[in-house]
């Protein structure tokens, strides 16, 4: 079953469609001889922005929104590394696997602490995940 999410290009000859699994080039009707195109394989893993929760968190030890969880879709079991950077680009911490692999086996978590174990100041932080020639990044906010 294929779900089409977005039309990313429209030309007189081809209509290019993107979905979560494959990229297809579908020949348009033009009266000319057309060639069937093979789908490209989807990335080995992915992180949807909606799977980063909460995007604003308070690492103050009260047990409420003390860390941010990254739910990674990793069907190919790719090796993935995550890091946190401050807004100036300085490396703050590694992102670690979630305890007990909750909510999924590939989930990772950042507790709002630097590599020395100190709670970071309030601000915007950049997360970056790398694995199998794919880099995904975005931002989270620490509030006090």
C-alpha atoms as a PDB file:
ATOM      1  CA  UNK A   1       0.000   0.000   0.000  1.00  0.00           C
ATOM      2  CA  UNK A   2       1.416   3.378  -0.994  1.00  0.00           C
ATOM      3  CA  UNK A   3       0.413   6.739   0.473  1.00  0.00           C
ATOM      4  CA  UNK A   4       1.387   9.806  -1.535  1.00  0.00           C
ATOM      5  CA  UNK A   5       2.312  12.805   0.596  1.00  0.00           C
ATOM      6  CA  UNK A   6       3.594  15.548  -1.692  1.00  0.00           C
ATOM      7  CA  UNK A   7       3.974  16.501  -5.337  1.00  0.00           C
ATOM      8  CA  UNK A   8       7.497  17.934  -5.483  1.00  0.00           C
ATOM      9  CA  UNK A   9       7.813  18.731  -9.159  1.00  0.00           C
ATOM     10  CA  UNK A  10       5.513  18.971 -12.133  1.00  0.00           C
ATOM     11  CA  UNK A  11       6.862  19.092 -15.671  1.00  0.00           C
ATOM     12  CA  UNK A  12       5.202  18.467 -19.048  1.00  0.00           C
ATOM     13  CA  UNK A  13       6.808  15.006 -19.164  1.00  0.00           C
ATOM     14  CA  UNK A  14       6.851  13.778 -15.558  1.00  0.00           C
ATOM     15  CA  UNK A  15       4.924  14.151 -12.347  1.00  0.00           C
ATOM     16  CA  UNK A  16       7.264  13.444  -9.396  1.00  0.00           C
ATOM     17  CA  UNK A  17       5.602  12.135  -6.251  1.00  0.00           C
ATOM     18  CA  UNK A  18       7.053  11.568  -2.804  1.00  0.00           C
ATOM     19  CA  UNK A  19       5.773   9.230  -0.135  1.00  0.00           C
ATOM     20  CA  UNK A  20       7.156   7.853   3.103  1.00  0.00           C
ATOM     21  CA  UNK A  21       8.634   4.772   1.484  1.00  0.00           C
ATOM     22  CA  UNK A  22       9.558   5.450  -2.142  1.00  0.00           C
ATOM     23  CA  UNK A  23      10.188   8.228  -4.666  1.00  0.00           C
ATOM     24  CA  UNK A  24       8.426   7.546  -7.959  1.00  0.00           C
ATOM     25  CA  UNK A  25       8.770   9.229 -11.327  1.00  0.00           C
ATOM     26  CA  UNK A  26       5.464   8.650 -13.086  1.00  0.00           C
ATOM     27  CA  UNK A  27       5.415   9.240 -16.866  1.00  0.00           C
ATOM     28  CA  UNK A  28       2.655  11.616 -17.964  1.00  0.00           C
ATOM     29  CA  UNK A  29       0.484  10.881 -20.968  1.00  0.00           C
ATOM     30  CA  UNK A  30       2.131  12.590 -23.949  1.00  0.00           C
ATOM     31  CA  UNK A  31       1.724  10.229 -26.885  1.00  0.00           C
ATOM     32  CA  UNK A  32       5.467   9.534 -26.831  1.00  0.00           C
ATOM     33  CA  UNK A  33       7.083   6.224 -25.950  1.00  0.00           C
ATOM     34  CA  UNK A  34       7.787   6.156 -22.193  1.00  0.00           C
ATOM     35  CA  UNK A  35      10.154   4.092 -20.082  1.00  0.00           C
ATOM     36  CA  UNK A  36       9.185   2.527 -16.755  1.00  0.00           C
ATOM     37  CA  UNK A  37      11.232   3.907 -13.871  1.00  0.00           C
ATOM     38  CA  UNK A  38      12.252   1.958 -10.771  1.00  0.00           C
ATOM     39  CA  UNK A  39      11.468   3.343  -7.295  1.00  0.00           C
ATOM     40  CA  UNK A  40      14.363   4.542  -5.161  1.00  0.00           C
ATOM     41  CA  UNK A  41      14.867   2.963  -1.752  1.00  0.00           C
ATOM     42  CA  UNK A  42      13.817   4.992   1.287  1.00  0.00           C
ATOM     43  CA  UNK A  43      16.451   6.033   3.874  1.00  0.00           C
ATOM     44  CA  UNK A  44      17.552   3.360   6.358  1.00  0.00           C
ATOM     45  CA  UNK A  45      16.170   5.392   9.276  1.00  0.00           C
ATOM     46  CA  UNK A  46      14.213   8.566   9.949  1.00  0.00           C
ATOM     47  CA  UNK A  47      13.183  11.021  12.632  1.00  0.00           C
ATOM     48  CA  UNK A  48       9.972  12.956  12.136  1.00  0.00           C
ATOM     49  CA  UNK A  49       9.843  16.323  13.925  1.00  0.00           C
ATOM     50  CA  UNK A  50       6.573  15.206  15.551  1.00  0.00           C
ATOM     51  CA  UNK A  51       8.524  12.375  17.213  1.00  0.00           C
ATOM     52  CA  UNK A  52      10.591  14.836  19.283  1.00  0.00           C
ATOM     53  CA  UNK A  53       8.737  15.391  22.564  1.00  0.00           C
ATOM     54  CA  UNK A  54       8.485  17.653  24.382  1.00  0.00           C
ATOM     55  CA  UNK A  55      10.104  20.329  22.219  1.00  0.00           C
ATOM     56  CA  UNK A  56      10.173  22.671  25.250  1.00  0.00           C
ATOM     57  CA  UNK A  57      11.391  20.991  28.417  1.00  0.00           C
ATOM     58  CA  UNK A  58      12.500  21.834  31.951  1.00  0.00           C
ATOM     59  CA  UNK A  59      15.383  19.691  33.293  1.00  0.00           C
ATOM     60  CA  UNK A  60      14.769  20.724  36.914  1.00  0.00           C
ATOM     61  CA  UNK A  61      14.317  17.282  38.486  1.00  0.00           C
ATOM     62  CA  UNK A  62      10.601  17.598  39.275  1.00  0.00           C
ATOM     63  CA  UNK A  63       9.729  14.557  37.140  1.00  0.00           C
ATOM     64  CA  UNK A  64       7.678  16.603  34.657  1.00  0.00           C
ATOM     65  CA  UNK A  65       9.164  17.256  31.205  1.00  0.00           C
ATOM     66  CA  UNK A  66      12.698  16.743  32.551  1.00  0.00           C
ATOM     67  CA  UNK A  67      14.042  15.312  29.283  1.00  0.00           C
ATOM     68  CA  UNK A  68      13.331  15.246  25.565  1.00  0.00           C
ATOM     69  CA  UNK A  69      12.698  11.924  23.784  1.00  0.00           C
ATOM     70  CA  UNK A  70      13.578  11.281  20.133  1.00  0.00           C
ATOM     71  CA  UNK A  71      11.594   8.394  18.614  1.00  0.00           C
ATOM     72  CA  UNK A  72      13.657   7.151  15.682  1.00  0.00           C
ATOM     73  CA  UNK A  73      12.230   4.856  13.011  1.00  0.00           C
ATOM     74  CA  UNK A  74      15.096   2.446  12.349  1.00  0.00           C
ATOM     75  CA  UNK A  75      13.801  -0.618  10.512  1.00  0.00           C
ATOM     76  CA  UNK A  76      17.234  -1.427   9.051  1.00  0.00           C
ATOM     77  CA  UNK A  77      18.937  -1.384  12.495  1.00  0.00           C
ATOM     78  CA  UNK A  78      21.387   1.283  11.337  1.00  0.00           C
ATOM     79  CA  UNK A  79      23.936   2.568  13.852  1.00  0.00           C
ATOM     80  CA  UNK A  80      22.843   6.092  14.795  1.00  0.00           C
ATOM     81  CA  UNK A  81      24.702   8.682  16.848  1.00  0.00           C
ATOM     82  CA  UNK A  82      23.146  11.798  18.342  1.00  0.00           C
ATOM     83  CA  UNK A  83      24.700  14.991  19.689  1.00  0.00           C
ATOM     84  CA  UNK A  84      23.450  18.239  21.214  1.00  0.00           C
ATOM     85  CA  UNK A  85      24.984  21.619  20.313  1.00  0.00           C
ATOM     86  CA  UNK A  86      24.391  25.092  21.732  1.00  0.00           C
ATOM     87  CA  UNK A  87      23.216  27.933  19.483  1.00  0.00           C
ATOM     88  CA  UNK A  88      26.863  28.932  18.824  1.00  0.00           C
ATOM     89  CA  UNK A  89      27.644  25.427  17.529  1.00  0.00           C
ATOM     90  CA  UNK A  90      29.578  24.215  20.577  1.00  0.00           C
ATOM     91  CA  UNK A  91      29.159  20.527  21.382  1.00  0.00           C
ATOM     92  CA  UNK A  92      27.227  20.051  24.634  1.00  0.00           C
ATOM     93  CA  UNK A  93      26.480  16.349  25.017  1.00  0.00           C
ATOM     94  CA  UNK A  94      25.852  13.008  23.381  1.00  0.00           C
ATOM     95  CA  UNK A  95      22.246  11.862  23.082  1.00  0.00           C
ATOM     96  CA  UNK A  96      21.827   8.515  24.822  1.00  0.00           C
ATOM     97  CA  UNK A  97      19.510   5.531  24.265  1.00  0.00           C
ATOM     98  CA  UNK A  98      16.274   5.856  26.230  1.00  0.00           C
ATOM     99  CA  UNK A  99      16.148   3.821  29.471  1.00  0.00           C
ATOM    100  CA  UNK A 100      14.450   0.459  28.924  1.00  0.00           C
ATOM    101  CA  UNK A 101      14.144   1.480  25.245  1.00  0.00           C
ATOM    102  CA  UNK A 102      10.859   3.255  25.936  1.00  0.00           C
ATOM    103  CA  UNK A 103       8.796   4.162  23.927  1.00  0.00           C
ATOM    104  CA  UNK A 104      10.633   2.129  21.225  1.00  0.00           C
ATOM    105  CA  UNK A 105      13.890   0.191  21.005  1.00  0.00           C
ATOM    106  CA  UNK A 106      15.464   2.967  18.900  1.00  0.00           C
ATOM    107  CA  UNK A 107      14.353   5.885  21.092  1.00  0.00           C
ATOM    108  CA  UNK A 108      17.010   8.253  22.411  1.00  0.00           C
ATOM    109  CA  UNK A 109      16.866  10.842  25.162  1.00  0.00           C
ATOM    110  CA  UNK A 110      18.617  14.029  26.278  1.00  0.00           C
ATOM    111  CA  UNK A 111      18.237  15.029  29.913  1.00  0.00           C
ATOM    112  CA  UNK A 112      19.229  18.683  29.482  1.00  0.00           C
ATOM    113  CA  UNK A 113      22.705  18.145  30.884  1.00  0.00           C
ATOM    114  CA  UNK A 114      26.124  18.776  29.372  1.00  0.00           C
ATOM    115  CA  UNK A 115      28.822  16.096  29.095  1.00  0.00           C
ATOM    116  CA  UNK A 116      29.973  16.992  32.635  1.00  0.00           C
ATOM    117  CA  UNK A 117      26.523  16.287  34.117  1.00  0.00           C
ATOM    118  CA  UNK A 118      25.591  19.947  34.689  1.00  0.00           C
ATOM    119  CA  UNK A 119      22.121  21.223  33.770  1.00  0.00           C
ATOM    120  CA  UNK A 120      22.478  23.545  30.767  1.00  0.00           C
ATOM    121  CA  UNK A 121      21.247  27.165  30.809  1.00  0.00           C
ATOM    122  CA  UNK A 122      17.865  28.021  29.305  1.00  0.00           C
ATOM    123  CA  UNK A 123      17.995  28.455  25.539  1.00  0.00           C
ATOM    124  CA  UNK A 124      17.694  26.876  22.118  1.00  0.00           C
ATOM    125  CA  UNK A 125      19.745  23.721  21.490  1.00  0.00           C
ATOM    126  CA  UNK A 126      20.408  21.908  18.237  1.00  0.00           C
ATOM    127  CA  UNK A 127      20.136  18.135  18.016  1.00  0.00           C
ATOM    128  CA  UNK A 128      21.916  16.218  15.284  1.00  0.00           C
ATOM    129  CA  UNK A 129      21.643  12.533  14.422  1.00  0.00           C
ATOM    130  CA  UNK A 130      24.013  10.789  12.010  1.00  0.00           C
ATOM    131  CA  UNK A 131      23.882   7.310  10.569  1.00  0.00           C
ATOM    132  CA  UNK A 132      24.353   5.550   7.230  1.00  0.00           C
ATOM    133  CA  UNK A 133      25.021   8.694   5.179  1.00  0.00           C
ATOM    134  CA  UNK A 134      22.006  10.521   6.619  1.00  0.00           C
ATOM    135  CA  UNK A 135      22.073  13.564   8.928  1.00  0.00           C
ATOM    136  CA  UNK A 136      18.922  14.883  10.613  1.00  0.00           C
ATOM    137  CA  UNK A 137      18.880  17.943  12.844  1.00  0.00           C
ATOM    138  CA  UNK A 138      16.463  20.310  14.519  1.00  0.00           C
ATOM    139  CA  UNK A 139      16.004  22.310  17.690  1.00  0.00           C
ATOM    140  CA  UNK A 140      14.658  21.897  21.219  1.00  0.00           C
ATOM    141  CA  UNK A 141      14.290  24.540  23.918  1.00  0.00           C
ATOM    142  CA  UNK A 142      15.346  24.320  27.552  1.00  0.00           C
ATOM    143  CA  UNK A 143      13.201  26.576  29.739  1.00  0.00           C
ATOM    144  CA  UNK A 144      13.695  27.384  33.436  1.00  0.00           C
END
